[in-house]
Amino acid sequence: MNFRVIIIFFLFFFVGIGTVFAQENAIVTIISPKPVAVAKGQRTELTVTAEIKKGFHIQANPAADEFLIPTTLTIQAGEFFIPDNPVYPPGHPYKLKGSTEDLLTYEGEVIIRLPVQVMDSAPAGKVSVTGILKFQPCDDRKCLFPRSVPVNIPVQIVNPQK
């Protein structure tokens, strides 16, 4: 009888811990973008839209202090794209409780723009630009460990019009 109680306790404990970790991992969600059509040899601007869970913020890029971890988008452009530097939106001032300094953060929805050049040698068809969005989530009392989420931007490469 006591053995069953112990088993049930551990099941509830580990399910509860798993739920907490799953909730923390879902602090930032990438909203799936619509495919972008672009001709070979042309430049375009891709976007990554991240939704930040209510009650949390992430550090802007650039961050307000050198010791804070800014949000960064790293792209593995592959052989068909030449990426330029991501364009981050300005951060919004945020003051932690008990602090005298403002932080620069993102809350709600943030859109990061990524200018890219499609190579002339790229084959026509559907491809993906993939990458990683790294960030440090915080609430009004504490910051969590830095984390990252995968990014996948669908692109339709078309032949240039003649």
N, C-alpha and C. Protein backbone atom coordinates (compact mmCIF):
# COMPACT_ATOMS: atom_id res chain seq x y z
N MET A 1 0.82 -1.20 0.00
CA MET A 1 0.00 0.00 0.00
C MET A 1 0.87 1.26 0.00
N ASN A 2 1.87 1.35 0.89
CA ASN A 2 2.74 2.52 0.95
C ASN A 2 3.55 2.68 -0.33
N PHE A 3 3.90 1.55 -0.95
CA PHE A 3 4.65 1.58 -2.20
C PHE A 3 3.85 2.29 -3.30
N ARG A 4 2.53 2.03 -3.35
CA ARG A 4 1.67 2.69 -4.34
C ARG A 4 1.61 4.20 -4.10
N VAL A 5 1.54 4.59 -2.87
CA VAL A 5 1.49 6.02 -2.53
C VAL A 5 2.77 6.71 -2.98
N ILE A 6 3.89 6.05 -2.75
CA ILE A 6 5.19 6.61 -3.15
C ILE A 6 5.25 6.72 -4.67
N ILE A 7 4.81 5.70 -5.39
CA ILE A 7 4.81 5.73 -6.86
C ILE A 7 3.93 6.87 -7.35
N ILE A 8 2.73 7.00 -6.80
CA ILE A 8 1.80 8.07 -7.22
C ILE A 8 2.42 9.43 -6.94
N PHE A 9 3.06 9.60 -5.79
CA PHE A 9 3.70 10.87 -5.45
C PHE A 9 4.76 11.22 -6.49
N PHE A 10 5.62 10.26 -6.83
CA PHE A 10 6.68 10.53 -7.80
C PHE A 10 6.12 10.83 -9.18
N LEU A 11 5.06 10.14 -9.57
CA LEU A 11 4.44 10.44 -10.86
C LEU A 11 3.93 11.88 -10.90
N PHE A 12 3.22 12.30 -9.89
CA PHE A 12 2.72 13.67 -9.85
C PHE A 12 3.86 14.68 -9.78
N PHE A 13 4.90 14.36 -9.02
CA PHE A 13 6.04 15.26 -8.89
C PHE A 13 6.72 15.47 -10.25
N PHE A 14 7.03 14.37 -10.94
CA PHE A 14 7.75 14.48 -12.21
C PHE A 14 6.88 15.06 -13.32
N VAL A 15 5.59 14.77 -13.32
CA VAL A 15 4.69 15.39 -14.29
C VAL A 15 4.63 16.89 -14.03
N GLY A 16 4.58 17.28 -12.76
CA GLY A 16 4.57 18.70 -12.41
C GLY A 16 5.85 19.39 -12.83
N ILE A 17 6.99 18.78 -12.58
CA ILE A 17 8.28 19.36 -12.99
C ILE A 17 8.33 19.49 -14.51
N GLY A 18 7.89 18.47 -15.23
CA GLY A 18 7.88 18.52 -16.69
C GLY A 18 7.01 19.65 -17.20
N THR A 19 5.87 19.88 -16.55
CA THR A 19 4.98 20.96 -16.95
C THR A 19 5.65 22.31 -16.74
N VAL A 20 6.35 22.48 -15.63
CA VAL A 20 7.05 23.75 -15.37
C VAL A 20 8.10 23.99 -16.45
N PHE A 21 8.91 22.97 -16.76
CA PHE A 21 9.94 23.14 -17.80
C PHE A 21 9.31 23.42 -19.15
N ALA A 22 8.21 22.75 -19.48
CA ALA A 22 7.55 22.99 -20.76
C ALA A 22 7.03 24.41 -20.83
N GLN A 23 6.49 24.93 -19.73
CA GLN A 23 5.98 26.30 -19.73
C GLN A 23 7.14 27.29 -19.90
N GLU A 24 8.26 27.06 -19.21
CA GLU A 24 9.39 27.97 -19.35
C GLU A 24 9.96 27.94 -20.76
N ASN A 25 9.97 26.77 -21.39
CA ASN A 25 10.49 26.68 -22.75
C ASN A 25 9.61 27.41 -23.75
N ALA A 26 8.35 27.60 -23.41
CA ALA A 26 7.42 28.25 -24.33
C ALA A 26 7.33 29.76 -24.08
N ILE A 27 8.33 30.35 -23.47
CA ILE A 27 8.30 31.79 -23.21
C ILE A 27 8.35 32.57 -24.51
N VAL A 28 9.12 32.11 -25.48
CA VAL A 28 9.20 32.75 -26.79
C VAL A 28 8.80 31.73 -27.85
N THR A 29 7.84 32.11 -28.68
CA THR A 29 7.37 31.26 -29.76
C THR A 29 7.60 31.98 -31.08
N ILE A 30 8.14 31.28 -32.06
CA ILE A 30 8.32 31.85 -33.40
C ILE A 30 7.02 31.65 -34.17
N ILE A 31 6.48 32.73 -34.70
CA ILE A 31 5.26 32.66 -35.50
C ILE A 31 5.67 32.28 -36.92
N SER A 32 5.09 31.22 -37.43
CA SER A 32 5.46 30.72 -38.76
C SER A 32 5.17 31.77 -39.83
N PRO A 33 6.21 32.17 -40.57
CA PRO A 33 6.00 33.18 -41.62
C PRO A 33 5.40 32.56 -42.87
N LYS A 34 4.74 33.39 -43.66
CA LYS A 34 4.26 32.95 -44.97
C LYS A 34 5.46 32.88 -45.90
N PRO A 35 5.43 31.97 -46.87
CA PRO A 35 6.56 31.88 -47.81
C PRO A 35 6.77 33.20 -48.56
N VAL A 36 8.03 33.53 -48.76
CA VAL A 36 8.41 34.74 -49.49
C VAL A 36 8.88 34.31 -50.88
N ALA A 37 8.36 34.94 -51.93
CA ALA A 37 8.81 34.65 -53.29
C ALA A 37 9.83 35.70 -53.71
N VAL A 38 10.96 35.24 -54.22
CA VAL A 38 12.02 36.15 -54.65
C VAL A 38 12.73 35.55 -55.86
N ALA A 39 13.10 36.42 -56.80
CA ALA A 39 13.79 35.97 -58.01
C ALA A 39 15.28 35.78 -57.74
N LYS A 40 15.87 34.87 -58.50
CA LYS A 40 17.32 34.65 -58.42
C LYS A 40 18.03 35.97 -58.65
N GLY A 41 19.11 36.20 -57.90
CA GLY A 41 19.91 37.41 -58.06
C GLY A 41 19.33 38.65 -57.40
N GLN A 42 18.15 38.54 -56.81
CA GLN A 42 17.50 39.70 -56.19
C GLN A 42 17.73 39.75 -54.68
N ARG A 43 17.53 40.94 -54.13
CA ARG A 43 17.57 41.13 -52.68
C ARG A 43 16.14 41.13 -52.16
N THR A 44 15.99 40.68 -50.95
CA THR A 44 14.68 40.74 -50.28
C THR A 44 14.91 40.85 -48.78
N GLU A 45 13.84 41.09 -48.08
CA GLU A 45 13.92 41.18 -46.63
C GLU A 45 13.02 40.13 -46.03
N LEU A 46 13.61 39.21 -45.30
CA LEU A 46 12.87 38.18 -44.59
C LEU A 46 12.57 38.70 -43.19
N THR A 47 11.53 38.17 -42.57
CA THR A 47 11.22 38.59 -41.20
C THR A 47 11.06 37.39 -40.30
N VAL A 48 11.46 37.58 -39.05
CA VAL A 48 11.25 36.60 -37.99
C VAL A 48 10.40 37.30 -36.94
N THR A 49 9.23 36.72 -36.68
CA THR A 49 8.32 37.29 -35.68
C THR A 49 8.30 36.37 -34.48
N ALA A 50 8.67 36.93 -33.33
CA ALA A 50 8.68 36.16 -32.08
C ALA A 50 7.61 36.71 -31.16
N GLU A 51 6.87 35.81 -30.56
CA GLU A 51 5.84 36.19 -29.59
C GLU A 51 6.35 35.83 -28.20
N ILE A 52 6.37 36.83 -27.33
CA ILE A 52 6.90 36.65 -25.97
C ILE A 52 5.73 36.51 -25.01
N LYS A 53 5.78 35.48 -24.22
CA LYS A 53 4.71 35.17 -23.27
C LYS A 53 4.45 36.35 -22.33
N LYS A 54 3.18 36.61 -22.07
CA LYS A 54 2.78 37.70 -21.18
C LYS A 54 3.43 37.53 -19.82
N GLY A 55 3.93 38.63 -19.28
CA GLY A 55 4.60 38.60 -17.98
C GLY A 55 6.11 38.46 -18.10
N PHE A 56 6.60 38.25 -19.32
CA PHE A 56 8.03 38.11 -19.55
C PHE A 56 8.51 39.17 -20.53
N HIS A 57 9.79 39.39 -20.52
CA HIS A 57 10.45 40.23 -21.52
C HIS A 57 11.79 39.58 -21.84
N ILE A 58 12.37 39.96 -22.97
CA ILE A 58 13.72 39.50 -23.32
C ILE A 58 14.56 40.74 -23.59
N GLN A 59 15.86 40.61 -23.42
CA GLN A 59 16.76 41.74 -23.62
C GLN A 59 16.77 42.15 -25.09
N ALA A 60 16.81 43.45 -25.33
CA ALA A 60 16.85 43.97 -26.69
C ALA A 60 18.24 43.79 -27.28
N ASN A 61 18.38 44.11 -28.54
CA ASN A 61 19.69 44.13 -29.20
C ASN A 61 19.84 45.50 -29.87
N PRO A 62 20.75 46.33 -29.35
CA PRO A 62 21.70 46.06 -28.28
C PRO A 62 21.03 46.11 -26.90
N ALA A 63 21.63 45.39 -25.96
CA ALA A 63 21.16 45.40 -24.57
C ALA A 63 21.60 46.71 -23.91
N ALA A 64 20.95 47.06 -22.82
CA ALA A 64 21.24 48.32 -22.13
C ALA A 64 22.57 48.28 -21.38
N ASP A 65 23.09 47.10 -21.12
CA ASP A 65 24.31 46.97 -20.33
C ASP A 65 25.16 45.85 -20.93
N GLU A 66 26.46 46.00 -20.89
CA GLU A 66 27.35 45.00 -21.49
C GLU A 66 27.27 43.65 -20.80
N PHE A 67 26.75 43.60 -19.57
CA PHE A 67 26.67 42.34 -18.85
C PHE A 67 25.36 41.58 -19.12
N LEU A 68 24.45 42.20 -19.85
CA LEU A 68 23.20 41.55 -20.20
C LEU A 68 23.36 40.83 -21.54
N ILE A 69 22.56 39.82 -21.74
CA ILE A 69 22.67 39.01 -22.95
C ILE A 69 21.63 39.49 -23.96
N PRO A 70 22.07 40.09 -25.06
CA PRO A 70 21.10 40.59 -26.05
C PRO A 70 20.46 39.46 -26.85
N THR A 71 19.30 39.75 -27.39
CA THR A 71 18.64 38.83 -28.30
C THR A 71 19.42 38.82 -29.61
N THR A 72 19.71 37.63 -30.13
CA THR A 72 20.47 37.55 -31.38
C THR A 72 19.83 36.52 -32.32
N LEU A 73 19.84 36.84 -33.59
CA LEU A 73 19.39 35.94 -34.63
C LEU A 73 20.61 35.51 -35.43
N THR A 74 20.85 34.21 -35.46
CA THR A 74 21.96 33.64 -36.23
C THR A 74 21.35 32.79 -37.34
N ILE A 75 21.78 33.04 -38.56
CA ILE A 75 21.20 32.36 -39.72
C ILE A 75 22.23 31.42 -40.35
N GLN A 76 21.76 30.23 -40.71
CA GLN A 76 22.55 29.31 -41.54
C GLN A 76 21.96 29.45 -42.95
N ALA A 77 22.49 30.39 -43.70
CA ALA A 77 21.89 30.77 -44.98
C ALA A 77 22.03 29.70 -46.05
N GLY A 78 22.97 28.82 -45.89
CA GLY A 78 23.15 27.78 -46.91
C GLY A 78 23.88 28.34 -48.12
N GLU A 79 23.81 27.60 -49.20
CA GLU A 79 24.58 27.98 -50.39
C GLU A 79 23.83 28.90 -51.34
N PHE A 80 22.56 29.21 -51.06
CA PHE A 80 21.75 29.98 -52.00
C PHE A 80 21.52 31.44 -51.59
N PHE A 81 21.92 31.79 -50.38
CA PHE A 81 21.64 33.12 -49.85
C PHE A 81 22.89 33.77 -49.28
N ILE A 82 22.96 35.08 -49.41
CA ILE A 82 24.00 35.86 -48.74
C ILE A 82 23.26 36.78 -47.77
N PRO A 83 23.30 36.44 -46.47
CA PRO A 83 22.57 37.26 -45.51
C PRO A 83 23.34 38.51 -45.13
N ASP A 84 22.61 39.56 -44.85
CA ASP A 84 23.19 40.76 -44.27
C ASP A 84 22.95 40.67 -42.77
N ASN A 85 23.36 41.68 -42.02
CA ASN A 85 23.14 41.67 -40.58
C ASN A 85 21.66 41.83 -40.27
N PRO A 86 21.15 41.10 -39.26
CA PRO A 86 19.75 41.29 -38.87
C PRO A 86 19.52 42.73 -38.40
N VAL A 87 18.30 43.21 -38.62
CA VAL A 87 17.91 44.55 -38.17
C VAL A 87 16.94 44.36 -37.01
N TYR A 88 17.39 44.73 -35.82
CA TYR A 88 16.60 44.57 -34.60
C TYR A 88 15.80 45.84 -34.33
N PRO A 89 14.58 45.70 -33.84
CA PRO A 89 13.81 46.90 -33.49
C PRO A 89 14.39 47.54 -32.23
N PRO A 90 14.08 48.83 -32.02
CA PRO A 90 14.55 49.45 -30.78
C PRO A 90 13.88 48.79 -29.57
N GLY A 91 14.61 48.72 -28.47
CA GLY A 91 14.06 48.16 -27.24
C GLY A 91 13.18 49.18 -26.53
N HIS A 92 12.33 48.67 -25.67
CA HIS A 92 11.47 49.52 -24.86
C HIS A 92 12.05 49.61 -23.45
N PRO A 93 12.04 50.79 -22.85
CA PRO A 93 12.57 50.91 -21.49
C PRO A 93 11.76 50.04 -20.50
N TYR A 94 12.47 49.38 -19.62
CA TYR A 94 11.84 48.53 -18.60
C TYR A 94 12.65 48.68 -17.32
N LYS A 95 11.97 48.94 -16.24
CA LYS A 95 12.67 49.12 -14.96
C LYS A 95 12.31 47.96 -14.04
N LEU A 96 13.34 47.22 -13.60
CA LEU A 96 13.14 46.15 -12.64
C LEU A 96 12.78 46.75 -11.29
N LYS A 97 12.01 46.02 -10.50
CA LYS A 97 11.66 46.48 -9.17
C LYS A 97 12.93 46.70 -8.36
N GLY A 98 13.04 47.88 -7.75
CA GLY A 98 14.19 48.19 -6.92
C GLY A 98 15.40 48.72 -7.69
N SER A 99 15.30 48.82 -9.00
CA SER A 99 16.41 49.29 -9.82
C SER A 99 16.23 50.77 -10.17
N THR A 100 17.34 51.45 -10.39
CA THR A 100 17.28 52.86 -10.80
C THR A 100 17.55 53.01 -12.29
N GLU A 101 18.05 51.96 -12.92
CA GLU A 101 18.40 52.01 -14.34
C GLU A 101 17.34 51.31 -15.19
N ASP A 102 17.07 51.89 -16.36
CA ASP A 102 16.17 51.24 -17.31
C ASP A 102 16.93 50.19 -18.11
N LEU A 103 16.26 49.07 -18.36
CA LEU A 103 16.77 48.07 -19.30
C LEU A 103 16.10 48.34 -20.64
N LEU A 104 16.66 47.82 -21.70
CA LEU A 104 16.02 47.88 -23.02
C LEU A 104 15.56 46.46 -23.34
N THR A 105 14.25 46.29 -23.50
CA THR A 105 13.69 44.95 -23.66
C THR A 105 12.67 44.90 -24.78
N TYR A 106 12.29 43.66 -25.11
CA TYR A 106 11.18 43.39 -26.01
C TYR A 106 10.11 42.66 -25.22
N GLU A 107 8.86 43.03 -25.46
CA GLU A 107 7.71 42.36 -24.86
C GLU A 107 6.67 42.14 -25.94
N GLY A 108 5.77 41.19 -25.71
CA GLY A 108 4.69 40.97 -26.67
C GLY A 108 5.21 40.36 -27.96
N GLU A 109 5.14 41.12 -29.04
CA GLU A 109 5.59 40.64 -30.34
C GLU A 109 6.78 41.47 -30.81
N VAL A 110 7.80 40.81 -31.31
CA VAL A 110 8.97 41.50 -31.83
C VAL A 110 9.25 40.97 -33.24
N ILE A 111 9.54 41.89 -34.15
CA ILE A 111 9.83 41.52 -35.54
C ILE A 111 11.28 41.90 -35.85
N ILE A 112 12.06 40.89 -36.23
CA ILE A 112 13.46 41.09 -36.62
C ILE A 112 13.52 40.94 -38.13
N ARG A 113 14.14 41.89 -38.78
CA ARG A 113 14.24 41.88 -40.25
C ARG A 113 15.61 41.36 -40.67
N LEU A 114 15.61 40.58 -41.75
CA LEU A 114 16.85 39.99 -42.23
C LEU A 114 16.99 40.22 -43.73
N PRO A 115 17.80 41.20 -44.14
CA PRO A 115 18.04 41.40 -45.57
C PRO A 115 18.90 40.25 -46.11
N VAL A 116 18.52 39.72 -47.28
CA VAL A 116 19.30 38.65 -47.92
C VAL A 116 19.38 38.89 -49.42
N GLN A 117 20.42 38.36 -50.00
CA GLN A 117 20.61 38.36 -51.46
C GLN A 117 20.50 36.91 -51.90
N VAL A 118 19.67 36.66 -52.92
CA VAL A 118 19.56 35.31 -53.47
C VAL A 118 20.63 35.16 -54.56
N MET A 119 21.38 34.10 -54.49
CA MET A 119 22.46 33.87 -55.46
C MET A 119 21.87 33.62 -56.85
N ASP A 120 22.57 34.08 -57.88
CA ASP A 120 22.15 33.82 -59.26
C ASP A 120 22.10 32.33 -59.56
N SER A 121 22.96 31.57 -58.88
CA SER A 121 23.07 30.12 -59.13
C SER A 121 22.02 29.30 -58.38
N ALA A 122 21.18 29.94 -57.58
CA ALA A 122 20.18 29.22 -56.79
C ALA A 122 19.16 28.57 -57.72
N PRO A 123 18.80 27.33 -57.45
CA PRO A 123 17.78 26.68 -58.28
C PRO A 123 16.39 27.20 -57.90
N ALA A 124 15.51 27.26 -58.88
CA ALA A 124 14.13 27.66 -58.59
C ALA A 124 13.47 26.57 -57.75
N GLY A 125 12.62 26.99 -56.83
CA GLY A 125 11.91 26.04 -55.99
C GLY A 125 11.84 26.50 -54.56
N LYS A 126 11.26 25.65 -53.72
CA LYS A 126 11.09 25.96 -52.30
C LYS A 126 12.35 25.59 -51.53
N VAL A 127 12.81 26.51 -50.72
CA VAL A 127 13.94 26.28 -49.82
C VAL A 127 13.60 26.92 -48.48
N SER A 128 14.42 26.64 -47.49
CA SER A 128 14.23 27.24 -46.18
C SER A 128 15.51 27.93 -45.73
N VAL A 129 15.34 29.08 -45.13
CA VAL A 129 16.43 29.74 -44.44
C VAL A 129 16.23 29.39 -42.97
N THR A 130 17.23 28.76 -42.38
CA THR A 130 17.09 28.32 -41.00
C THR A 130 18.06 29.07 -40.10
N GLY A 131 17.76 29.06 -38.84
CA GLY A 131 18.63 29.73 -37.89
C GLY A 131 18.19 29.48 -36.46
N ILE A 132 18.77 30.28 -35.58
CA ILE A 132 18.52 30.17 -34.15
C ILE A 132 18.30 31.58 -33.59
N LEU A 133 17.25 31.74 -32.80
CA LEU A 133 17.03 32.98 -32.06
C LEU A 133 17.44 32.70 -30.62
N LYS A 134 18.47 33.42 -30.15
CA LYS A 134 18.96 33.27 -28.77
C LYS A 134 18.49 34.46 -27.96
N PHE A 135 18.10 34.22 -26.72
CA PHE A 135 17.55 35.29 -25.89
C PHE A 135 17.66 34.91 -24.41
N GLN A 136 17.52 35.91 -23.56
CA GLN A 136 17.45 35.66 -22.12
C GLN A 136 16.12 36.19 -21.60
N PRO A 137 15.21 35.29 -21.21
CA PRO A 137 13.92 35.74 -20.71
C PRO A 137 14.00 36.14 -19.24
N CYS A 138 13.21 37.15 -18.91
CA CYS A 138 13.14 37.63 -17.53
C CYS A 138 11.69 37.99 -17.21
N ASP A 139 11.34 37.94 -15.93
CA ASP A 139 10.08 38.51 -15.50
C ASP A 139 10.42 39.72 -14.63
N ASP A 140 9.50 40.22 -13.84
CA ASP A 140 9.78 41.43 -13.08
C ASP A 140 10.66 41.18 -11.86
N ARG A 141 10.99 39.91 -11.56
CA ARG A 141 11.80 39.60 -10.38
C ARG A 141 13.13 38.94 -10.69
N LYS A 142 13.18 38.17 -11.78
CA LYS A 142 14.39 37.38 -12.04
C LYS A 142 14.57 37.13 -13.53
N CYS A 143 15.80 36.81 -13.88
CA CYS A 143 16.11 36.40 -15.25
C CYS A 143 16.39 34.90 -15.24
N LEU A 144 15.93 34.23 -16.26
CA LEU A 144 16.17 32.80 -16.41
C LEU A 144 17.43 32.58 -17.23
N PHE A 145 17.87 31.35 -17.29
CA PHE A 145 19.04 31.04 -18.09
C PHE A 145 18.76 31.35 -19.56
N PRO A 146 19.77 31.78 -20.31
CA PRO A 146 19.57 32.02 -21.75
C PRO A 146 19.09 30.74 -22.43
N ARG A 147 18.33 30.92 -23.47
CA ARG A 147 17.82 29.79 -24.25
C ARG A 147 17.72 30.17 -25.71
N SER A 148 17.30 29.23 -26.52
CA SER A 148 17.18 29.50 -27.96
C SER A 148 16.03 28.71 -28.54
N VAL A 149 15.53 29.21 -29.67
CA VAL A 149 14.47 28.52 -30.41
C VAL A 149 14.88 28.48 -31.87
N PRO A 150 14.52 27.40 -32.57
CA PRO A 150 14.86 27.32 -34.00
C PRO A 150 13.97 28.25 -34.82
N VAL A 151 14.54 28.71 -35.93
CA VAL A 151 13.84 29.60 -36.86
C VAL A 151 13.86 28.93 -38.23
N ASN A 152 12.73 28.95 -38.92
CA ASN A 152 12.63 28.37 -40.25
C ASN A 152 11.81 29.32 -41.11
N ILE A 153 12.43 29.91 -42.13
CA ILE A 153 11.75 30.87 -43.00
C ILE A 153 11.63 30.26 -44.38
N PRO A 154 10.40 29.94 -44.83
CA PRO A 154 10.23 29.37 -46.17
C PRO A 154 10.40 30.43 -47.25
N VAL A 155 11.13 30.07 -48.31
CA VAL A 155 11.39 30.97 -49.43
C VAL A 155 11.10 30.22 -50.73
N GLN A 156 10.41 30.88 -51.63
CA GLN A 156 10.16 30.32 -52.97
C GLN A 156 11.06 31.09 -53.93
N ILE A 157 12.08 30.43 -54.46
CA ILE A 157 12.98 31.07 -55.43
C ILE A 157 12.38 30.88 -56.82
N VAL A 158 12.26 31.97 -57.54
CA VAL A 158 11.68 31.92 -58.89
C VAL A 158 12.71 32.42 -59.90
N ASN A 159 12.51 32.05 -61.15
CA ASN A 159 13.37 32.55 -62.23
C ASN A 159 13.04 34.02 -62.47
N PRO A 160 14.05 34.83 -62.78
CA PRO A 160 13.79 36.25 -63.06
C PRO A 160 12.94 36.41 -64.33
N GLN A 161 12.10 37.42 -64.32
CA GLN A 161 11.29 37.69 -65.51
C GLN A 161 12.17 38.29 -66.59
N LYS A 162 11.92 37.88 -67.83
CA LYS A 162 12.74 38.38 -68.95
C LYS A 162 12.00 39.36 -69.76
